[in-house]
């Protein structure tokens, strides 16, 4: 049952990412604040729906509030690094760092805190998933002869963004799992409510700092065409987070985050092939096979 719930979590995250991408193409917000506007609204929706699922009961401890604030900072750093890094260099490389962080940091923390090593089969599954991430992001389509050359210069700020996205994505997942441990499973939904409320406030502050000249109302207007994509993405994200919290307590962060990141990579590639008609390169085919095998190894 836990693995079916984990599969549902993966599918919900894929849905959220897909409709988030559609939102970014349709929104009326300016480019420099669009991700912060998305996080601002997403935080409010996630917090409200999770509060409703909790029957409007709220009794967070001070420790949960502190962990939620730290997690919200990680979210803000993640989106800041993603937006700025994508403008400075390769988006694919950023995603490699994000996925590596999402797998390596929670896995390492899980092993250190429990003072145990992963079984050899599961450790091999983690390593194979990391190899699949590299394969998916190398050996892409050949460029046309008349296509302009891409800049190859790697700036210090881009390197900083790669490091920040690695750390923030990994620490975010670790803090979510750690809250369950230190609170013995209590205040799970309060953790999510506070995390996204804090993330919403941080994002609104970022909008106020980075927005173009003009009224705030214009920057926060996402437009009717983007609204539907946002609603689907928000509900998918809410369901995914609640499913994630449910499986963390039984399967552990090492297995959950590796399967979640690897599964996301697999289904995103499949979606790209079916919906966007992107060609499967030999590297992507090899990466798909490796992911399937590694997920089986992790679930045995």
C-alpha atoms as a PDB file:
ATOM      1  CA  UNK A   1       0.000   0.000   0.000  1.00  0.00           C
ATOM      2  CA  UNK A   2       2.849   2.390   0.855  1.00  0.00           C
ATOM      3  CA  UNK A   3       4.448   1.898  -2.566  1.00  0.00           C
ATOM      4  CA  UNK A   4       1.154   2.600  -4.353  1.00  0.00           C
ATOM      5  CA  UNK A   5       0.902   5.817  -2.360  1.00  0.00           C
ATOM      6  CA  UNK A   6       4.502   6.640  -3.318  1.00  0.00           C
ATOM      7  CA  UNK A   7       3.638   6.054  -6.995  1.00  0.00           C
ATOM      8  CA  UNK A   8       0.661   8.404  -6.613  1.00  0.00           C
ATOM      9  CA  UNK A   9       3.008  10.986  -5.057  1.00  0.00           C
ATOM     10  CA  UNK A  10       5.312  10.780  -8.078  1.00  0.00           C
ATOM     11  CA  UNK A  11       2.413  11.173 -10.532  1.00  0.00           C
ATOM     12  CA  UNK A  12       1.051  14.155  -8.613  1.00  0.00           C
ATOM     13  CA  UNK A  13       4.453  15.874  -8.657  1.00  0.00           C
ATOM     14  CA  UNK A  14       4.702  15.240 -12.410  1.00  0.00           C
ATOM     15  CA  UNK A  15       1.265  16.841 -12.830  1.00  0.00           C
ATOM     16  CA  UNK A  16       2.306  19.817 -10.714  1.00  0.00           C
ATOM     17  CA  UNK A  17       5.530  20.358 -12.700  1.00  0.00           C
ATOM     18  CA  UNK A  18       3.727  20.046 -16.042  1.00  0.00           C
ATOM     19  CA  UNK A  19       1.030  22.593 -15.212  1.00  0.00           C
ATOM     20  CA  UNK A  20       3.564  24.855 -13.517  1.00  0.00           C
ATOM     21  CA  UNK A  21       5.487  24.939 -16.801  1.00  0.00           C
ATOM     22  CA  UNK A  22       2.284  25.797 -18.659  1.00  0.00           C
ATOM     23  CA  UNK A  23       1.544  28.529 -16.114  1.00  0.00           C
ATOM     24  CA  UNK A  24       4.975  30.114 -16.654  1.00  0.00           C
ATOM     25  CA  UNK A  25       4.241  30.420 -20.395  1.00  0.00           C
ATOM     26  CA  UNK A  26       0.772  31.910 -19.919  1.00  0.00           C
ATOM     27  CA  UNK A  27       1.145  34.211 -16.914  1.00  0.00           C
ATOM     28  CA  UNK A  28       0.934  37.985 -17.286  1.00  0.00           C
ATOM     29  CA  UNK A  29       3.512  38.597 -14.525  1.00  0.00           C
ATOM     30  CA  UNK A  30       6.842  39.995 -15.681  1.00  0.00           C
ATOM     31  CA  UNK A  31       9.726  37.551 -16.080  1.00  0.00           C
ATOM     32  CA  UNK A  32      11.742  38.779 -13.100  1.00  0.00           C
ATOM     33  CA  UNK A  33       8.935  38.131 -10.589  1.00  0.00           C
ATOM     34  CA  UNK A  34       6.851  35.370 -12.230  1.00  0.00           C
ATOM     35  CA  UNK A  35       8.298  32.528 -10.120  1.00  0.00           C
ATOM     36  CA  UNK A  36       7.889  34.532  -6.903  1.00  0.00           C
ATOM     37  CA  UNK A  37       4.267  35.384  -7.818  1.00  0.00           C
ATOM     38  CA  UNK A  38       3.616  31.685  -8.458  1.00  0.00           C
ATOM     39  CA  UNK A  39       5.106  30.717  -5.082  1.00  0.00           C
ATOM     40  CA  UNK A  40       3.150  33.486  -3.339  1.00  0.00           C
ATOM     41  CA  UNK A  41      -0.207  32.186  -4.586  1.00  0.00           C
ATOM     42  CA  UNK A  42       0.824  28.534  -4.284  1.00  0.00           C
ATOM     43  CA  UNK A  43       1.775  29.036  -0.648  1.00  0.00           C
ATOM     44  CA  UNK A  44      -1.591  30.557   0.192  1.00  0.00           C
ATOM     45  CA  UNK A  45      -3.553  27.804  -1.596  1.00  0.00           C
ATOM     46  CA  UNK A  46      -1.478  24.969  -0.113  1.00  0.00           C
ATOM     47  CA  UNK A  47      -1.762  26.388   3.386  1.00  0.00           C
ATOM     48  CA  UNK A  48      -5.543  26.867   3.150  1.00  0.00           C
ATOM     49  CA  UNK A  49      -6.313  23.446   1.639  1.00  0.00           C
ATOM     50  CA  UNK A  50      -4.071  21.656   4.142  1.00  0.00           C
ATOM     51  CA  UNK A  51      -5.737  23.576   6.972  1.00  0.00           C
ATOM     52  CA  UNK A  52      -9.145  22.495   5.625  1.00  0.00           C
ATOM     53  CA  UNK A  53      -7.958  18.864   5.440  1.00  0.00           C
ATOM     54  CA  UNK A  54      -6.960  19.244   9.077  1.00  0.00           C
ATOM     55  CA  UNK A  55     -10.557  20.370   9.821  1.00  0.00           C
ATOM     56  CA  UNK A  56      -9.254  23.847  10.638  1.00  0.00           C
ATOM     57  CA  UNK A  57      -7.475  22.523  13.719  1.00  0.00           C
ATOM     58  CA  UNK A  58      -4.092  24.110  14.306  1.00  0.00           C
ATOM     59  CA  UNK A  59      -1.758  23.420  17.205  1.00  0.00           C
ATOM     60  CA  UNK A  60       1.827  23.727  16.001  1.00  0.00           C
ATOM     61  CA  UNK A  61       4.671  23.585  18.486  1.00  0.00           C
ATOM     62  CA  UNK A  62       7.449  26.161  18.559  1.00  0.00           C
ATOM     63  CA  UNK A  63       9.865  23.538  17.200  1.00  0.00           C
ATOM     64  CA  UNK A  64       7.589  22.812  14.240  1.00  0.00           C
ATOM     65  CA  UNK A  65       7.288  26.559  13.555  1.00  0.00           C
ATOM     66  CA  UNK A  66      11.093  26.926  13.575  1.00  0.00           C
ATOM     67  CA  UNK A  67      11.525  23.960  11.212  1.00  0.00           C
ATOM     68  CA  UNK A  68       8.774  25.339   8.947  1.00  0.00           C
ATOM     69  CA  UNK A  69      10.504  28.721   8.728  1.00  0.00           C
ATOM     70  CA  UNK A  70      13.797  27.012   7.822  1.00  0.00           C
ATOM     71  CA  UNK A  71      12.025  24.919   5.182  1.00  0.00           C
ATOM     72  CA  UNK A  72      10.357  28.029   3.738  1.00  0.00           C
ATOM     73  CA  UNK A  73      13.755  29.728   3.428  1.00  0.00           C
ATOM     74  CA  UNK A  74      14.992  26.667   1.506  1.00  0.00           C
ATOM     75  CA  UNK A  75      12.031  26.995  -0.878  1.00  0.00           C
ATOM     76  CA  UNK A  76      12.752  30.678  -1.439  1.00  0.00           C
ATOM     77  CA  UNK A  77      16.453  29.968  -2.086  1.00  0.00           C
ATOM     78  CA  UNK A  78      15.511  27.144  -4.472  1.00  0.00           C
ATOM     79  CA  UNK A  79      13.263  29.331  -6.643  1.00  0.00           C
ATOM     80  CA  UNK A  80      15.720  32.241  -6.535  1.00  0.00           C
ATOM     81  CA  UNK A  81      18.538  29.948  -7.709  1.00  0.00           C
ATOM     82  CA  UNK A  82      16.348  28.382 -10.383  1.00  0.00           C
ATOM     83  CA  UNK A  83      15.223  31.704 -11.866  1.00  0.00           C
ATOM     84  CA  UNK A  84      18.641  33.362 -11.847  1.00  0.00           C
ATOM     85  CA  UNK A  85      20.610  30.263 -12.779  1.00  0.00           C
ATOM     86  CA  UNK A  86      18.414  29.540 -15.810  1.00  0.00           C
ATOM     87  CA  UNK A  87      19.289  32.988 -17.168  1.00  0.00           C
ATOM     88  CA  UNK A  88      23.017  32.545 -16.648  1.00  0.00           C
ATOM     89  CA  UNK A  89      23.641  29.029 -17.954  1.00  0.00           C
ATOM     90  CA  UNK A  90      22.314  25.566 -18.690  1.00  0.00           C
ATOM     91  CA  UNK A  91      18.871  24.770 -17.245  1.00  0.00           C
ATOM     92  CA  UNK A  92      19.590  21.048 -17.607  1.00  0.00           C
ATOM     93  CA  UNK A  93      22.693  21.315 -15.426  1.00  0.00           C
ATOM     94  CA  UNK A  94      20.671  23.147 -12.785  1.00  0.00           C
ATOM     95  CA  UNK A  95      18.174  20.263 -12.762  1.00  0.00           C
ATOM     96  CA  UNK A  96      21.027  17.775 -12.363  1.00  0.00           C
ATOM     97  CA  UNK A  97      22.194  19.629  -9.253  1.00  0.00           C
ATOM     98  CA  UNK A  98      18.605  19.852  -7.944  1.00  0.00           C
ATOM     99  CA  UNK A  99      17.961  16.126  -8.393  1.00  0.00           C
ATOM    100  CA  UNK A 100      21.348  15.188  -6.936  1.00  0.00           C
ATOM    101  CA  UNK A 101      20.645  17.344  -3.884  1.00  0.00           C
ATOM    102  CA  UNK A 102      17.161  15.878  -3.528  1.00  0.00           C
ATOM    103  CA  UNK A 103      18.629  12.368  -3.389  1.00  0.00           C
ATOM    104  CA  UNK A 104      22.078  12.678  -1.797  1.00  0.00           C
ATOM    105  CA  UNK A 105      21.398  15.007   1.155  1.00  0.00           C
ATOM    106  CA  UNK A 106      18.287  13.231   2.576  1.00  0.00           C
ATOM    107  CA  UNK A 107      19.946   9.833   2.038  1.00  0.00           C
ATOM    108  CA  UNK A 108      23.169  10.913   3.762  1.00  0.00           C
ATOM    109  CA  UNK A 109      21.287  12.494   6.658  1.00  0.00           C
ATOM    110  CA  UNK A 110      19.121   9.397   7.042  1.00  0.00           C
ATOM    111  CA  UNK A 111      22.219   7.212   7.319  1.00  0.00           C
ATOM    112  CA  UNK A 112      24.055   9.567   9.699  1.00  0.00           C
ATOM    113  CA  UNK A 113      21.093  10.113  12.032  1.00  0.00           C
ATOM    114  CA  UNK A 114      20.284   6.405  12.250  1.00  0.00           C
ATOM    115  CA  UNK A 115      23.995   5.444  12.411  1.00  0.00           C
ATOM    116  CA  UNK A 116      23.398   2.757   9.812  1.00  0.00           C
ATOM    117  CA  UNK A 117      24.321   2.225   6.191  1.00  0.00           C
ATOM    118  CA  UNK A 118      21.833   1.544   3.433  1.00  0.00           C
ATOM    119  CA  UNK A 119      21.670  -2.135   2.445  1.00  0.00           C
ATOM    120  CA  UNK A 120      23.958  -2.816  -0.585  1.00  0.00           C
ATOM    121  CA  UNK A 121      20.985  -3.318  -2.925  1.00  0.00           C
ATOM    122  CA  UNK A 122      19.366   0.014  -1.976  1.00  0.00           C
ATOM    123  CA  UNK A 123      22.733   1.835  -2.069  1.00  0.00           C
ATOM    124  CA  UNK A 124      23.272   0.511  -5.593  1.00  0.00           C
ATOM    125  CA  UNK A 125      19.769   1.737  -6.485  1.00  0.00           C
ATOM    126  CA  UNK A 126      20.627   5.270  -5.306  1.00  0.00           C
ATOM    127  CA  UNK A 127      23.894   5.293  -7.295  1.00  0.00           C
ATOM    128  CA  UNK A 128      22.109   4.003 -10.412  1.00  0.00           C
ATOM    129  CA  UNK A 129      19.448   6.710 -10.098  1.00  0.00           C
ATOM    130  CA  UNK A 130      22.168   9.384  -9.975  1.00  0.00           C
ATOM    131  CA  UNK A 131      23.754   7.848 -13.085  1.00  0.00           C
ATOM    132  CA  UNK A 132      20.364   7.963 -14.825  1.00  0.00           C
ATOM    133  CA  UNK A 133      20.051  11.691 -13.996  1.00  0.00           C
ATOM    134  CA  UNK A 134      23.359  12.325 -15.785  1.00  0.00           C
ATOM    135  CA  UNK A 135      22.306  10.226 -18.798  1.00  0.00           C
ATOM    136  CA  UNK A 136      19.007  12.080 -19.129  1.00  0.00           C
ATOM    137  CA  UNK A 137      20.824  15.415 -19.277  1.00  0.00           C
ATOM    138  CA  UNK A 138      23.590  14.503 -21.738  1.00  0.00           C
ATOM    139  CA  UNK A 139      23.646  13.426 -25.344  1.00  0.00           C
ATOM    140  CA  UNK A 140      20.698  15.549 -26.447  1.00  0.00           C
ATOM    141  CA  UNK A 141      19.506  16.591 -29.874  1.00  0.00           C
ATOM    142  CA  UNK A 142      22.060  17.674 -32.455  1.00  0.00           C
ATOM    143  CA  UNK A 143      21.969  21.341 -33.288  1.00  0.00           C
ATOM    144  CA  UNK A 144      21.193  22.635 -36.738  1.00  0.00           C
ATOM    145  CA  UNK A 145      24.109  23.988 -38.746  1.00  0.00           C
ATOM    146  CA  UNK A 146      22.693  27.508 -38.873  1.00  0.00           C
ATOM    147  CA  UNK A 147      21.793  27.591 -35.161  1.00  0.00           C
ATOM    148  CA  UNK A 148      23.651  30.289 -33.213  1.00  0.00           C
ATOM    149  CA  UNK A 149      26.306  28.929 -30.831  1.00  0.00           C
ATOM    150  CA  UNK A 150      25.390  28.866 -27.162  1.00  0.00           C
ATOM    151  CA  UNK A 151      27.626  30.781 -24.759  1.00  0.00           C
ATOM    152  CA  UNK A 152      29.986  28.443 -22.908  1.00  0.00           C
ATOM    153  CA  UNK A 153      31.280  30.835 -20.273  1.00  0.00           C
ATOM    154  CA  UNK A 154      30.444  29.705 -16.756  1.00  0.00           C
ATOM    155  CA  UNK A 155      30.175  32.668 -14.383  1.00  0.00           C
ATOM    156  CA  UNK A 156      30.864  32.508 -10.617  1.00  0.00           C
ATOM    157  CA  UNK A 157      27.220  33.484  -9.963  1.00  0.00           C
ATOM    158  CA  UNK A 158      25.998  30.514 -12.029  1.00  0.00           C
ATOM    159  CA  UNK A 159      28.217  28.154 -10.019  1.00  0.00           C
ATOM    160  CA  UNK A 160      26.787  29.656  -6.811  1.00  0.00           C
ATOM    161  CA  UNK A 161      23.246  29.075  -8.138  1.00  0.00           C
ATOM    162  CA  UNK A 162      24.076  25.411  -8.882  1.00  0.00           C
ATOM    163  CA  UNK A 163      25.421  24.927  -5.348  1.00  0.00           C
ATOM    164  CA  UNK A 164      22.447  26.717  -3.767  1.00  0.00           C
ATOM    165  CA  UNK A 165      19.895  24.684  -5.707  1.00  0.00           C
ATOM    166  CA  UNK A 166      21.681  21.451  -4.720  1.00  0.00           C
ATOM    167  CA  UNK A 167      21.712  22.390  -1.027  1.00  0.00           C
ATOM    168  CA  UNK A 168      18.239  23.964  -0.834  1.00  0.00           C
ATOM    169  CA  UNK A 169      16.441  21.073  -2.556  1.00  0.00           C
ATOM    170  CA  UNK A 170      18.198  18.518  -0.365  1.00  0.00           C
ATOM    171  CA  UNK A 171      17.789  20.396   2.918  1.00  0.00           C
ATOM    172  CA  UNK A 172      14.101  21.069   2.145  1.00  0.00           C
ATOM    173  CA  UNK A 173      13.399  17.348   1.919  1.00  0.00           C
ATOM    174  CA  UNK A 174      15.510  16.593   4.975  1.00  0.00           C
ATOM    175  CA  UNK A 175      13.687  19.139   7.140  1.00  0.00           C
ATOM    176  CA  UNK A 176      10.270  17.776   6.141  1.00  0.00           C
ATOM    177  CA  UNK A 177      11.403  14.283   7.168  1.00  0.00           C
ATOM    178  CA  UNK A 178      13.174  15.521  10.310  1.00  0.00           C
ATOM    179  CA  UNK A 179      10.027  17.208  11.616  1.00  0.00           C
ATOM    180  CA  UNK A 180       8.269  13.851  11.634  1.00  0.00           C
ATOM    181  CA  UNK A 181      11.107  12.312  13.615  1.00  0.00           C
ATOM    182  CA  UNK A 182      11.539  14.980  16.290  1.00  0.00           C
ATOM    183  CA  UNK A 183       7.790  15.452  16.761  1.00  0.00           C
ATOM    184  CA  UNK A 184       7.065  11.698  16.652  1.00  0.00           C
ATOM    185  CA  UNK A 185       4.578  12.113  13.793  1.00  0.00           C
ATOM    186  CA  UNK A 186       2.682  15.019  15.381  1.00  0.00           C
ATOM    187  CA  UNK A 187       1.921  18.384  13.729  1.00  0.00           C
ATOM    188  CA  UNK A 188       2.591  17.019  10.209  1.00  0.00           C
ATOM    189  CA  UNK A 189       0.000  19.204   8.540  1.00  0.00           C
ATOM    190  CA  UNK A 190       0.848  22.182  10.724  1.00  0.00           C
ATOM    191  CA  UNK A 191       4.389  21.861   9.353  1.00  0.00           C
ATOM    192  CA  UNK A 192       3.092  22.098   5.772  1.00  0.00           C
ATOM    193  CA  UNK A 193       0.703  24.960   6.594  1.00  0.00           C
ATOM    194  CA  UNK A 194       3.413  27.072   8.236  1.00  0.00           C
ATOM    195  CA  UNK A 195       6.056  26.210   5.618  1.00  0.00           C
ATOM    196  CA  UNK A 196       3.932  27.510   2.767  1.00  0.00           C
ATOM    197  CA  UNK A 197       2.591  30.480   4.653  1.00  0.00           C
ATOM    198  CA  UNK A 198       6.171  31.548   5.395  1.00  0.00           C
ATOM    199  CA  UNK A 199       7.171  30.811   1.775  1.00  0.00           C
ATOM    200  CA  UNK A 200       4.266  32.954   0.578  1.00  0.00           C
ATOM    201  CA  UNK A 201       5.377  35.888   2.761  1.00  0.00           C
ATOM    202  CA  UNK A 202       9.008  35.519   1.632  1.00  0.00           C
ATOM    203  CA  UNK A 203       7.883  35.427  -2.007  1.00  0.00           C
ATOM    204  CA  UNK A 204       5.707  38.529  -1.600  1.00  0.00           C
ATOM    205  CA  UNK A 205       8.703  40.334  -0.108  1.00  0.00           C
ATOM    206  CA  UNK A 206      10.796  39.238  -3.111  1.00  0.00           C
ATOM    207  CA  UNK A 207       8.128  40.558  -5.488  1.00  0.00           C
ATOM    208  CA  UNK A 208       8.145  43.945  -3.730  1.00  0.00           C
ATOM    209  CA  UNK A 209      11.949  44.125  -3.981  1.00  0.00           C
ATOM    210  CA  UNK A 210      12.402  42.925  -7.580  1.00  0.00           C
ATOM    211  CA  UNK A 211       9.225  44.063  -9.377  1.00  0.00           C
ATOM    212  CA  UNK A 212       9.223  46.581 -12.204  1.00  0.00           C
ATOM    213  CA  UNK A 213       8.023  50.114 -11.659  1.00  0.00           C
ATOM    214  CA  UNK A 214       4.270  50.169 -11.470  1.00  0.00           C
ATOM    215  CA  UNK A 215       1.425  49.050  -9.196  1.00  0.00           C
ATOM    216  CA  UNK A 216       1.803  45.783  -7.292  1.00  0.00           C
ATOM    217  CA  UNK A 217      -1.651  44.729  -8.516  1.00  0.00           C
ATOM    218  CA  UNK A 218      -0.348  44.421 -12.086  1.00  0.00           C
ATOM    219  CA  UNK A 219       2.549  42.170 -11.039  1.00  0.00           C
ATOM    220  CA  UNK A 220       0.258  39.898  -9.010  1.00  0.00           C
ATOM    221  CA  UNK A 221      -2.250  39.531 -11.883  1.00  0.00           C
ATOM    222  CA  UNK A 222      -1.610  36.135 -13.502  1.00  0.00           C
ATOM    223  CA  UNK A 223      -4.373  36.354 -16.122  1.00  0.00           C
ATOM    224  CA  UNK A 224      -7.319  34.089 -16.943  1.00  0.00           C
ATOM    225  CA  UNK A 225      -5.351  31.902 -19.361  1.00  0.00           C
ATOM    226  CA  UNK A 226      -2.830  30.979 -16.664  1.00  0.00           C
ATOM    227  CA  UNK A 227      -5.402  30.591 -13.874  1.00  0.00           C
ATOM    228  CA  UNK A 228      -6.579  27.086 -14.880  1.00  0.00           C
ATOM    229  CA  UNK A 229      -3.012  25.761 -15.084  1.00  0.00           C
ATOM    230  CA  UNK A 230      -2.269  27.291 -11.690  1.00  0.00           C
ATOM    231  CA  UNK A 231      -5.348  25.706 -10.078  1.00  0.00           C
ATOM    232  CA  UNK A 232      -4.459  22.215 -11.351  1.00  0.00           C
ATOM    233  CA  UNK A 233      -0.819  22.674 -10.322  1.00  0.00           C
ATOM    234  CA  UNK A 234      -1.805  23.910  -6.859  1.00  0.00           C
ATOM    235  CA  UNK A 235      -4.195  21.020  -6.166  1.00  0.00           C
ATOM    236  CA  UNK A 236      -1.629  18.506  -7.491  1.00  0.00           C
ATOM    237  CA  UNK A 237       1.056  20.018  -5.251  1.00  0.00           C
ATOM    238  CA  UNK A 238      -1.225  19.921  -2.197  1.00  0.00           C
ATOM    239  CA  UNK A 239      -2.141  16.267  -2.736  1.00  0.00           C
ATOM    240  CA  UNK A 240       1.489  15.347  -3.488  1.00  0.00           C
ATOM    241  CA  UNK A 241       2.785  16.958  -0.294  1.00  0.00           C
ATOM    242  CA  UNK A 242       0.207  15.238   1.902  1.00  0.00           C
ATOM    243  CA  UNK A 243       0.971  11.877   0.257  1.00  0.00           C
ATOM    244  CA  UNK A 244       4.696  12.501   0.690  1.00  0.00           C
ATOM    245  CA  UNK A 245       4.312  13.172   4.400  1.00  0.00           C
ATOM    246  CA  UNK A 246       2.229   9.988   4.751  1.00  0.00           C
ATOM    247  CA  UNK A 247       4.877   7.703   3.175  1.00  0.00           C
ATOM    248  CA  UNK A 248       7.903   9.314   4.814  1.00  0.00           C
ATOM    249  CA  UNK A 249       6.962   7.882   8.179  1.00  0.00           C
ATOM    250  CA  UNK A 250       6.900   4.296   6.891  1.00  0.00           C
ATOM    251  CA  UNK A 251       9.462   4.066   4.063  1.00  0.00           C
ATOM    252  CA  UNK A 252      12.147   6.527   5.205  1.00  0.00           C
ATOM    253  CA  UNK A 253      13.579   9.559   3.398  1.00  0.00           C
ATOM    254  CA  UNK A 254      16.335   7.673   1.517  1.00  0.00           C
ATOM    255  CA  UNK A 255      13.905   5.438  -0.384  1.00  0.00           C
ATOM    256  CA  UNK A 256      11.117   8.029  -0.715  1.00  0.00           C
ATOM    257  CA  UNK A 257      13.236  10.851  -2.158  1.00  0.00           C
ATOM    258  CA  UNK A 258      15.242   8.603  -4.480  1.00  0.00           C
ATOM    259  CA  UNK A 259      12.114   6.962  -5.922  1.00  0.00           C
ATOM    260  CA  UNK A 260      10.325  10.323  -6.071  1.00  0.00           C
ATOM    261  CA  UNK A 261      13.140  12.084  -7.948  1.00  0.00           C
ATOM    262  CA  UNK A 262      13.865   9.122 -10.199  1.00  0.00           C
ATOM    263  CA  UNK A 263      10.184   8.542 -10.921  1.00  0.00           C
ATOM    264  CA  UNK A 264       9.691  12.219 -11.739  1.00  0.00           C
ATOM    265  CA  UNK A 265      12.549  12.063 -14.219  1.00  0.00           C
ATOM    266  CA  UNK A 266      11.084   8.954 -15.878  1.00  0.00           C
ATOM    267  CA  UNK A 267       7.513  10.253 -16.200  1.00  0.00           C
ATOM    268  CA  UNK A 268       8.626  13.720 -17.340  1.00  0.00           C
ATOM    269  CA  UNK A 269      10.632  12.077 -20.138  1.00  0.00           C
ATOM    270  CA  UNK A 270       7.620   9.925 -21.045  1.00  0.00           C
ATOM    271  CA  UNK A 271       5.347  12.967 -21.038  1.00  0.00           C
ATOM    272  CA  UNK A 272       7.798  14.874 -23.228  1.00  0.00           C
ATOM    273  CA  UNK A 273       7.738  12.029 -25.753  1.00  0.00           C
ATOM    274  CA  UNK A 274       3.941  11.597 -25.818  1.00  0.00           C
ATOM    275  CA  UNK A 275       2.763  15.221 -25.457  1.00  0.00           C
ATOM    276  CA  UNK A 276       5.606  17.269 -26.927  1.00  0.00           C
ATOM    277  CA  UNK A 277       6.801  14.617 -29.432  1.00  0.00           C
ATOM    278  CA  UNK A 278      10.409  14.948 -28.285  1.00  0.00           C
ATOM    279  CA  UNK A 279      12.746  12.264 -29.631  1.00  0.00           C
ATOM    280  CA  UNK A 280      14.133   9.707 -27.182  1.00  0.00           C
ATOM    281  CA  UNK A 281      17.912   9.817 -27.495  1.00  0.00           C
ATOM    282  CA  UNK A 282      19.980   6.675 -26.751  1.00  0.00           C
ATOM    283  CA  UNK A 283      21.021   8.258 -23.447  1.00  0.00           C
ATOM    284  CA  UNK A 284      17.396   8.843 -22.425  1.00  0.00           C
ATOM    285  CA  UNK A 285      16.473   5.268 -23.323  1.00  0.00           C
ATOM    286  CA  UNK A 286      19.391   3.972 -21.249  1.00  0.00           C
ATOM    287  CA  UNK A 287      18.440   6.325 -18.402  1.00  0.00           C
ATOM    288  CA  UNK A 288      14.829   5.088 -18.488  1.00  0.00           C
ATOM    289  CA  UNK A 289      15.926   1.441 -18.226  1.00  0.00           C
ATOM    290  CA  UNK A 290      18.317   2.252 -15.367  1.00  0.00           C
ATOM    291  CA  UNK A 291      15.613   4.151 -13.450  1.00  0.00           C
ATOM    292  CA  UNK A 292      13.141   1.269 -13.746  1.00  0.00           C
ATOM    293  CA  UNK A 293      15.769  -1.186 -12.455  1.00  0.00           C
ATOM    294  CA  UNK A 294      16.934   1.123  -9.648  1.00  0.00           C
ATOM    295  CA  UNK A 295      13.379   1.779  -8.408  1.00  0.00           C
ATOM    296  CA  UNK A 296      12.738  -1.975  -8.290  1.00  0.00           C
ATOM    297  CA  UNK A 297      15.970  -2.394  -6.284  1.00  0.00           C
ATOM    298  CA  UNK A 298      14.909   0.321  -3.841  1.00  0.00           C
ATOM    299  CA  UNK A 299      11.457  -1.179  -3.333  1.00  0.00           C
ATOM    300  CA  UNK A 300      12.601  -4.765  -2.752  1.00  0.00           C
END
